[in-house]
Amino acid sequence: MARYTRLEVVRVMQETGMVPLFYHSDIEIGKKVLKACYDGGARLMEFTARGDFAFEVFSELNKYAIKELPGMMMGVGSITDAAAASMYMQMGASFVVTPSLREDIAIVCNRRKVLWSPGCGSLTEINKAEELGCELIKLFPGSTYGPGFVKAIKGPQPWTSIMPTGGVSTEEANLRAWFDAGVTCVGMGSKLISKDVLEQKDFEGLQKKVTNTLKLIEKIRREK
């Protein structure tokens, strides 16, 4: 069962402004990535469940987070059906992220008051998701739509909370464009947790990158 309600999770998303996301089949590497992000100040992690037996890796990482990393909220991404969402929630996923809008996933997550964030690419999809109780929209792929799309949506719908994933980097100009447009937080994968970091096992470097990125987001928000 999830240790955090959807309102608690979305509050931390709003406060920190960033959700790191990654996938790796090696549990020990996953633990080191998780700890580096945690020590760097992140309090959320989206595990993108894309590989065979990914559920086994997630289960071990969540157990590790519960035992060793107090306050770390583990979620799961790349979920495409209600059965998978239910399985990961049984393993303690505190939020569920999907590449597209799926009503069946909304129903099972709402039943347990678990945050679900669907990938949306139009105002119609966003409105439908919010009608189904969505607290935070995932704009995916962010690189296709860009900050201008967010700004256009926030005009008539200032209540809409958006998290772009894809097309978000650690560069100040990129982050400033997204936050100036009105995003609630950003999802960041390979631009933060790169292949080089994983191959070289540069977890100290990852920790510093997470710290610097969170500080940069805080600075940008303060200057708005």
C-alpha atoms as a PDB file:
ATOM      1  CA  MET A   1       0.000   0.000   0.000  1.00  0.00           C
ATOM      2  CA  ALA A   2       1.107   3.570  -0.683  1.00  0.00           C
ATOM      3  CA  ARG A   3       2.627   5.310   2.328  1.00  0.00           C
ATOM      4  CA  TYR A   4       1.610   8.750   1.046  1.00  0.00           C
ATOM      5  CA  THR A   5      -1.713  10.133  -0.162  1.00  0.00           C
ATOM      6  CA  ARG A   6      -2.027  11.821  -3.532  1.00  0.00           C
ATOM      7  CA  LEU A   7      -2.267  15.223  -1.836  1.00  0.00           C
ATOM      8  CA  GLU A   8       0.943  14.614   0.096  1.00  0.00           C
ATOM      9  CA  VAL A   9       2.738  13.564  -3.090  1.00  0.00           C
ATOM     10  CA  VAL A  10       1.558  16.507  -5.166  1.00  0.00           C
ATOM     11  CA  ARG A  11       2.569  18.868  -2.336  1.00  0.00           C
ATOM     12  CA  VAL A  12       6.154  17.561  -2.478  1.00  0.00           C
ATOM     13  CA  MET A  13       6.115  17.848  -6.274  1.00  0.00           C
ATOM     14  CA  GLN A  14       5.089  21.497  -5.891  1.00  0.00           C
ATOM     15  CA  GLU A  15       7.701  22.169  -3.210  1.00  0.00           C
ATOM     16  CA  THR A  16      10.732  20.546  -4.854  1.00  0.00           C
ATOM     17  CA  GLY A  17       9.819  21.211  -8.486  1.00  0.00           C
ATOM     18  CA  MET A  18      11.484  18.090  -9.882  1.00  0.00           C
ATOM     19  CA  VAL A  19      10.796  14.365 -10.259  1.00  0.00           C
ATOM     20  CA  PRO A  20      13.854  12.318 -11.290  1.00  0.00           C
ATOM     21  CA  LEU A  21      13.030   9.249 -13.342  1.00  0.00           C
ATOM     22  CA  PHE A  22      15.067   6.260 -14.414  1.00  0.00           C
ATOM     23  CA  TYR A  23      15.125   2.538 -15.092  1.00  0.00           C
ATOM     24  CA  HIS A  24      17.854  -0.016 -14.534  1.00  0.00           C
ATOM     25  CA  SER A  25      17.588  -3.773 -14.221  1.00  0.00           C
ATOM     26  CA  ASP A  26      20.322  -3.990 -11.569  1.00  0.00           C
ATOM     27  CA  ILE A  27      18.887  -3.573  -8.075  1.00  0.00           C
ATOM     28  CA  GLU A  28      22.191  -2.503  -6.499  1.00  0.00           C
ATOM     29  CA  ILE A  29      22.757   0.201  -9.093  1.00  0.00           C
ATOM     30  CA  GLY A  30      19.162   1.288  -8.571  1.00  0.00           C
ATOM     31  CA  LYS A  31      19.758   1.677  -4.845  1.00  0.00           C
ATOM     32  CA  LYS A  32      22.827   3.812  -5.451  1.00  0.00           C
ATOM     33  CA  VAL A  33      20.957   6.030  -7.909  1.00  0.00           C
ATOM     34  CA  LEU A  34      18.116   6.374  -5.436  1.00  0.00           C
ATOM     35  CA  LYS A  35      20.442   7.301  -2.572  1.00  0.00           C
ATOM     36  CA  ALA A  36      22.379   9.783  -4.702  1.00  0.00           C
ATOM     37  CA  CYS A  37      19.153  11.532  -5.664  1.00  0.00           C
ATOM     38  CA  TYR A  38      17.961  11.478  -2.052  1.00  0.00           C
ATOM     39  CA  ASP A  39      21.244  12.835  -0.705  1.00  0.00           C
ATOM     40  CA  GLY A  40      21.075  15.500  -3.395  1.00  0.00           C
ATOM     41  CA  GLY A  41      17.739  16.693  -2.030  1.00  0.00           C
ATOM     42  CA  ALA A  42      15.188  14.885  -4.209  1.00  0.00           C
ATOM     43  CA  ARG A  43      12.219  13.417  -2.373  1.00  0.00           C
ATOM     44  CA  LEU A  44      10.523  11.760  -5.329  1.00  0.00           C
ATOM     45  CA  MET A  45      11.590   9.071  -7.769  1.00  0.00           C
ATOM     46  CA  GLU A  46       9.680   7.727 -10.766  1.00  0.00           C
ATOM     47  CA  PHE A  47      10.852   4.239 -11.642  1.00  0.00           C
ATOM     48  CA  THR A  48      10.057   3.752 -15.328  1.00  0.00           C
ATOM     49  CA  ALA A  49       8.883   0.145 -15.478  1.00  0.00           C
ATOM     50  CA  ARG A  50      10.023  -0.766 -18.977  1.00  0.00           C
ATOM     51  CA  GLY A  51      12.095  -3.941 -18.623  1.00  0.00           C
ATOM     52  CA  ASP A  52      11.355  -7.593 -17.981  1.00  0.00           C
ATOM     53  CA  PHE A  53      10.774  -8.283 -14.277  1.00  0.00           C
ATOM     54  CA  ALA A  54      10.840  -4.551 -13.571  1.00  0.00           C
ATOM     55  CA  PHE A  55       8.326  -5.132 -10.774  1.00  0.00           C
ATOM     56  CA  GLU A  56      10.933  -7.138  -8.853  1.00  0.00           C
ATOM     57  CA  VAL A  57      13.403  -4.273  -9.053  1.00  0.00           C
ATOM     58  CA  PHE A  58      10.780  -1.725  -7.997  1.00  0.00           C
ATOM     59  CA  SER A  59       9.748  -3.838  -5.027  1.00  0.00           C
ATOM     60  CA  GLU A  60      13.308  -4.004  -3.723  1.00  0.00           C
ATOM     61  CA  LEU A  61      13.953  -0.309  -4.314  1.00  0.00           C
ATOM     62  CA  ASN A  62      10.795   0.687  -2.480  1.00  0.00           C
ATOM     63  CA  LYS A  63      11.674  -1.548   0.469  1.00  0.00           C
ATOM     64  CA  TYR A  64      15.106   0.082   0.528  1.00  0.00           C
ATOM     65  CA  ALA A  65      13.600   3.577   0.414  1.00  0.00           C
ATOM     66  CA  ILE A  66      11.200   2.802   3.262  1.00  0.00           C
ATOM     67  CA  LYS A  67      14.001   1.420   5.433  1.00  0.00           C
ATOM     68  CA  GLU A  68      16.900   3.728   4.605  1.00  0.00           C
ATOM     69  CA  LEU A  69      15.541   6.940   3.026  1.00  0.00           C
ATOM     70  CA  PRO A  70      12.818   8.506   5.205  1.00  0.00           C
ATOM     71  CA  GLY A  71      10.462  10.731   3.261  1.00  0.00           C
ATOM     72  CA  MET A  72      11.434   9.363  -0.160  1.00  0.00           C
ATOM     73  CA  MET A  73       8.323   8.860  -2.292  1.00  0.00           C
ATOM     74  CA  MET A  74       8.639   6.067  -4.842  1.00  0.00           C
ATOM     75  CA  GLY A  75       6.376   6.071  -7.868  1.00  0.00           C
ATOM     76  CA  VAL A  76       6.188   4.102 -11.077  1.00  0.00           C
ATOM     77  CA  GLY A  77       6.038   5.259 -14.687  1.00  0.00           C
ATOM     78  CA  SER A  78       5.322   3.821 -18.141  1.00  0.00           C
ATOM     79  CA  ILE A  79       2.170   2.126 -16.816  1.00  0.00           C
ATOM     80  CA  THR A  80      -0.307   1.304 -19.578  1.00  0.00           C
ATOM     81  CA  ASP A  81      -3.169  -0.604 -17.913  1.00  0.00           C
ATOM     82  CA  ALA A  82      -5.077  -0.901 -14.646  1.00  0.00           C
ATOM     83  CA  ALA A  83      -3.698  -4.341 -13.811  1.00  0.00           C
ATOM     84  CA  ALA A  84      -0.120  -3.061 -13.823  1.00  0.00           C
ATOM     85  CA  ALA A  85      -1.123  -0.005 -11.783  1.00  0.00           C
ATOM     86  CA  SER A  86      -2.794  -2.233  -9.188  1.00  0.00           C
ATOM     87  CA  MET A  87       0.228  -4.508  -8.974  1.00  0.00           C
ATOM     88  CA  TYR A  88       2.642  -1.641  -8.356  1.00  0.00           C
ATOM     89  CA  MET A  89       0.312  -0.055  -5.811  1.00  0.00           C
ATOM     90  CA  GLN A  90       0.342  -3.363  -3.929  1.00  0.00           C
ATOM     91  CA  MET A  91       4.122  -2.962  -3.838  1.00  0.00           C
ATOM     92  CA  GLY A  92       3.727   0.477  -2.316  1.00  0.00           C
ATOM     93  CA  ALA A  93       3.912   2.851  -5.295  1.00  0.00           C
ATOM     94  CA  SER A  94       2.899   6.296  -4.042  1.00  0.00           C
ATOM     95  CA  PHE A  95       2.165   7.643  -7.521  1.00  0.00           C
ATOM     96  CA  VAL A  96       1.502   6.219 -10.977  1.00  0.00           C
ATOM     97  CA  VAL A  97       2.565   7.920 -14.215  1.00  0.00           C
ATOM     98  CA  THR A  98       1.207   6.874 -17.602  1.00  0.00           C
ATOM     99  CA  PRO A  99       2.258   7.750 -21.165  1.00  0.00           C
ATOM    100  CA  SER A 100      -1.374   8.326 -22.195  1.00  0.00           C
ATOM    101  CA  LEU A 101      -4.768   9.069 -20.667  1.00  0.00           C
ATOM    102  CA  ARG A 102      -6.367   5.828 -19.422  1.00  0.00           C
ATOM    103  CA  GLU A 103      -9.668   5.910 -17.582  1.00  0.00           C
ATOM    104  CA  ASP A 104      -9.168   2.387 -16.198  1.00  0.00           C
ATOM    105  CA  ILE A 105      -5.972   3.522 -14.464  1.00  0.00           C
ATOM    106  CA  ALA A 106      -7.718   6.612 -13.102  1.00  0.00           C
ATOM    107  CA  ILE A 107     -10.389   4.435 -11.493  1.00  0.00           C
ATOM    108  CA  VAL A 108      -8.050   2.028  -9.693  1.00  0.00           C
ATOM    109  CA  CYS A 109      -5.776   4.833  -8.476  1.00  0.00           C
ATOM    110  CA  ASN A 110      -8.646   7.040  -7.299  1.00  0.00           C
ATOM    111  CA  ARG A 111     -10.100   4.110  -5.401  1.00  0.00           C
ATOM    112  CA  ARG A 112      -6.941   4.033  -3.257  1.00  0.00           C
ATOM    113  CA  LYS A 113      -6.354   7.800  -3.267  1.00  0.00           C
ATOM    114  CA  VAL A 114      -3.051   7.333  -5.091  1.00  0.00           C
ATOM    115  CA  LEU A 115      -1.811  10.137  -7.330  1.00  0.00           C
ATOM    116  CA  TRP A 116      -1.949   9.297 -11.044  1.00  0.00           C
ATOM    117  CA  SER A 117      -0.439  11.520 -13.697  1.00  0.00           C
ATOM    118  CA  PRO A 118      -1.524  10.791 -17.286  1.00  0.00           C
ATOM    119  CA  GLY A 119       0.379  11.796 -20.387  1.00  0.00           C
ATOM    120  CA  CYS A 120      -1.739  14.388 -22.215  1.00  0.00           C
ATOM    121  CA  GLY A 121      -1.133  16.323 -25.418  1.00  0.00           C
ATOM    122  CA  SER A 122      -4.265  18.394 -25.946  1.00  0.00           C
ATOM    123  CA  LEU A 123      -6.630  20.623 -24.011  1.00  0.00           C
ATOM    124  CA  THR A 124      -9.376  18.045 -24.536  1.00  0.00           C
ATOM    125  CA  GLU A 125      -7.272  15.314 -22.919  1.00  0.00           C
ATOM    126  CA  ILE A 126      -6.307  17.613 -20.068  1.00  0.00           C
ATOM    127  CA  ASN A 127      -9.939  18.499 -19.394  1.00  0.00           C
ATOM    128  CA  LYS A 128     -10.951  14.837 -19.452  1.00  0.00           C
ATOM    129  CA  ALA A 129      -8.163  13.914 -17.031  1.00  0.00           C
ATOM    130  CA  GLU A 130      -9.206  16.669 -14.628  1.00  0.00           C
ATOM    131  CA  GLU A 131     -12.826  15.538 -14.839  1.00  0.00           C
ATOM    132  CA  LEU A 132     -11.543  12.114 -13.724  1.00  0.00           C
ATOM    133  CA  GLY A 133      -9.892  13.695 -10.689  1.00  0.00           C
ATOM    134  CA  CYS A 134      -6.334  14.221 -11.915  1.00  0.00           C
ATOM    135  CA  GLU A 135      -4.239  16.539  -9.720  1.00  0.00           C
ATOM    136  CA  LEU A 136      -1.222  16.818 -12.029  1.00  0.00           C
ATOM    137  CA  ILE A 137      -1.028  16.445 -15.807  1.00  0.00           C
ATOM    138  CA  LYS A 138       2.040  14.952 -17.446  1.00  0.00           C
ATOM    139  CA  LEU A 139       2.835  16.832 -20.660  1.00  0.00           C
ATOM    140  CA  PHE A 140       4.401  14.173 -22.859  1.00  0.00           C
ATOM    141  CA  PRO A 141       6.515  14.363 -24.826  1.00  0.00           C
ATOM    142  CA  GLY A 142       7.461  17.801 -23.575  1.00  0.00           C
ATOM    143  CA  SER A 143       9.925  18.339 -26.417  1.00  0.00           C
ATOM    144  CA  THR A 144       7.070  18.182 -28.937  1.00  0.00           C
ATOM    145  CA  TYR A 145       4.917  20.833 -27.252  1.00  0.00           C
ATOM    146  CA  GLY A 146       7.348  23.120 -25.451  1.00  0.00           C
ATOM    147  CA  PRO A 147       6.825  25.855 -22.837  1.00  0.00           C
ATOM    148  CA  GLY A 148       4.600  27.823 -25.224  1.00  0.00           C
ATOM    149  CA  PHE A 149       1.955  25.102 -25.029  1.00  0.00           C
ATOM    150  CA  VAL A 150       1.978  25.278 -21.222  1.00  0.00           C
ATOM    151  CA  LYS A 151       1.594  29.048 -21.263  1.00  0.00           C
ATOM    152  CA  ALA A 152      -1.332  28.784 -23.676  1.00  0.00           C
ATOM    153  CA  ILE A 153      -3.099  26.228 -21.456  1.00  0.00           C
ATOM    154  CA  LYS A 154      -2.492  28.183 -18.245  1.00  0.00           C
ATOM    155  CA  GLY A 155      -4.165  31.263 -19.742  1.00  0.00           C
ATOM    156  CA  PRO A 156      -7.745  29.934 -19.749  1.00  0.00           C
ATOM    157  CA  GLN A 157      -7.030  27.261 -17.122  1.00  0.00           C
ATOM    158  CA  PRO A 158      -4.765  28.682 -14.397  1.00  0.00           C
ATOM    159  CA  TRP A 159      -5.821  25.840 -12.083  1.00  0.00           C
ATOM    160  CA  THR A 160      -4.203  23.180 -14.280  1.00  0.00           C
ATOM    161  CA  SER A 161      -1.009  21.689 -12.811  1.00  0.00           C
ATOM    162  CA  ILE A 162       1.467  20.451 -15.418  1.00  0.00           C
ATOM    163  CA  MET A 163       4.647  18.371 -15.293  1.00  0.00           C
ATOM    164  CA  PRO A 164       6.529  18.170 -18.613  1.00  0.00           C
ATOM    165  CA  THR A 165       8.610  15.066 -19.209  1.00  0.00           C
ATOM    166  CA  GLY A 166      10.921  14.752 -22.198  1.00  0.00           C
ATOM    167  CA  GLY A 167      12.607  17.876 -23.487  1.00  0.00           C
ATOM    168  CA  VAL A 168      13.591  19.025 -19.986  1.00  0.00           C
ATOM    169  CA  SER A 169      17.285  19.530 -19.224  1.00  0.00           C
ATOM    170  CA  THR A 170      19.384  20.829 -16.340  1.00  0.00           C
ATOM    171  CA  GLU A 171      20.312  23.972 -18.300  1.00  0.00           C
ATOM    172  CA  GLU A 172      19.122  27.214 -16.716  1.00  0.00           C
ATOM    173  CA  ALA A 173      17.571  28.575 -19.932  1.00  0.00           C
ATOM    174  CA  ASN A 174      15.553  25.392 -20.414  1.00  0.00           C
ATOM    175  CA  LEU A 175      14.310  25.249 -16.827  1.00  0.00           C
ATOM    176  CA  ARG A 176      13.548  28.954 -16.755  1.00  0.00           C
ATOM    177  CA  ALA A 177      11.431  28.661 -19.905  1.00  0.00           C
ATOM    178  CA  TRP A 178       9.343  25.863 -18.398  1.00  0.00           C
ATOM    179  CA  PHE A 179       8.820  27.477 -14.990  1.00  0.00           C
ATOM    180  CA  ASP A 180       8.157  30.918 -16.465  1.00  0.00           C
ATOM    181  CA  ALA A 181       5.450  29.242 -18.562  1.00  0.00           C
ATOM    182  CA  GLY A 182       3.802  27.993 -15.365  1.00  0.00           C
ATOM    183  CA  VAL A 183       4.712  24.331 -14.824  1.00  0.00           C
ATOM    184  CA  THR A 184       4.285  22.897 -11.335  1.00  0.00           C
ATOM    185  CA  CYS A 185       7.324  20.653 -11.613  1.00  0.00           C
ATOM    186  CA  VAL A 186       9.436  18.896 -14.234  1.00  0.00           C
ATOM    187  CA  GLY A 187      10.155  15.237 -14.837  1.00  0.00           C
ATOM    188  CA  MET A 188      13.790  14.638 -15.700  1.00  0.00           C
ATOM    189  CA  GLY A 189      15.335  11.401 -16.938  1.00  0.00           C
ATOM    190  CA  SER A 190      18.449  10.954 -19.066  1.00  0.00           C
ATOM    191  CA  LYS A 191      19.404  14.642 -18.872  1.00  0.00           C
ATOM    192  CA  LEU A 192      19.823  14.142 -15.144  1.00  0.00           C
ATOM    193  CA  ILE A 193      20.588  10.432 -14.735  1.00  0.00           C
ATOM    194  CA  SER A 194      22.592   9.884 -17.909  1.00  0.00           C
ATOM    195  CA  LYS A 195      23.957   6.694 -19.431  1.00  0.00           C
ATOM    196  CA  ASP A 196      27.455   7.955 -18.593  1.00  0.00           C
ATOM    197  CA  VAL A 197      26.533   8.276 -14.919  1.00  0.00           C
ATOM    198  CA  LEU A 198      25.210   4.720 -14.867  1.00  0.00           C
ATOM    199  CA  GLU A 199      28.076   3.227 -16.868  1.00  0.00           C
ATOM    200  CA  GLN A 200      30.770   5.019 -14.871  1.00  0.00           C
ATOM    201  CA  LYS A 201      28.852   4.619 -11.601  1.00  0.00           C
ATOM    202  CA  ASP A 202      29.445   8.295 -10.883  1.00  0.00           C
ATOM    203  CA  PHE A 203      26.941   8.505  -8.047  1.00  0.00           C
ATOM    204  CA  GLU A 204      28.789  11.339  -6.317  1.00  0.00           C
ATOM    205  CA  GLY A 205      28.530  13.368  -9.507  1.00  0.00           C
ATOM    206  CA  LEU A 206      24.826  12.528  -9.742  1.00  0.00           C
ATOM    207  CA  GLN A 207      24.254  13.727  -6.195  1.00  0.00           C
ATOM    208  CA  LYS A 208      25.903  17.062  -6.991  1.00  0.00           C
ATOM    209  CA  LYS A 209      23.887  17.417 -10.197  1.00  0.00           C
ATOM    210  CA  VAL A 210      20.635  16.821  -8.339  1.00  0.00           C
ATOM    211  CA  THR A 211      21.585  19.357  -5.669  1.00  0.00           C
ATOM    212  CA  ASN A 212      22.565  21.983  -8.228  1.00  0.00           C
ATOM    213  CA  THR A 213      19.422  21.434 -10.302  1.00  0.00           C
ATOM    214  CA  LEU A 214      17.129  21.768  -7.289  1.00  0.00           C
ATOM    215  CA  LYS A 215      18.932  24.951  -6.231  1.00  0.00           C
ATOM    216  CA  LEU A 216      18.561  26.318  -9.751  1.00  0.00           C
ATOM    217  CA  ILE A 217      14.827  25.574  -9.776  1.00  0.00           C
ATOM    218  CA  GLU A 218      14.474  27.321  -6.407  1.00  0.00           C
ATOM    219  CA  LYS A 219      16.373  30.354  -7.746  1.00  0.00           C
ATOM    220  CA  ILE A 220      14.237  30.552 -10.889  1.00  0.00           C
ATOM    221  CA  ARG A 221      11.027  30.387  -8.880  1.00  0.00           C
ATOM    222  CA  ARG A 222      12.254  33.041  -6.477  1.00  0.00           C
ATOM    223  CA  GLU A 223      13.027  35.416  -9.356  1.00  0.00           C
ATOM    224  CA  LYS A 224       9.663  35.020 -11.094  1.00  0.00           C
END
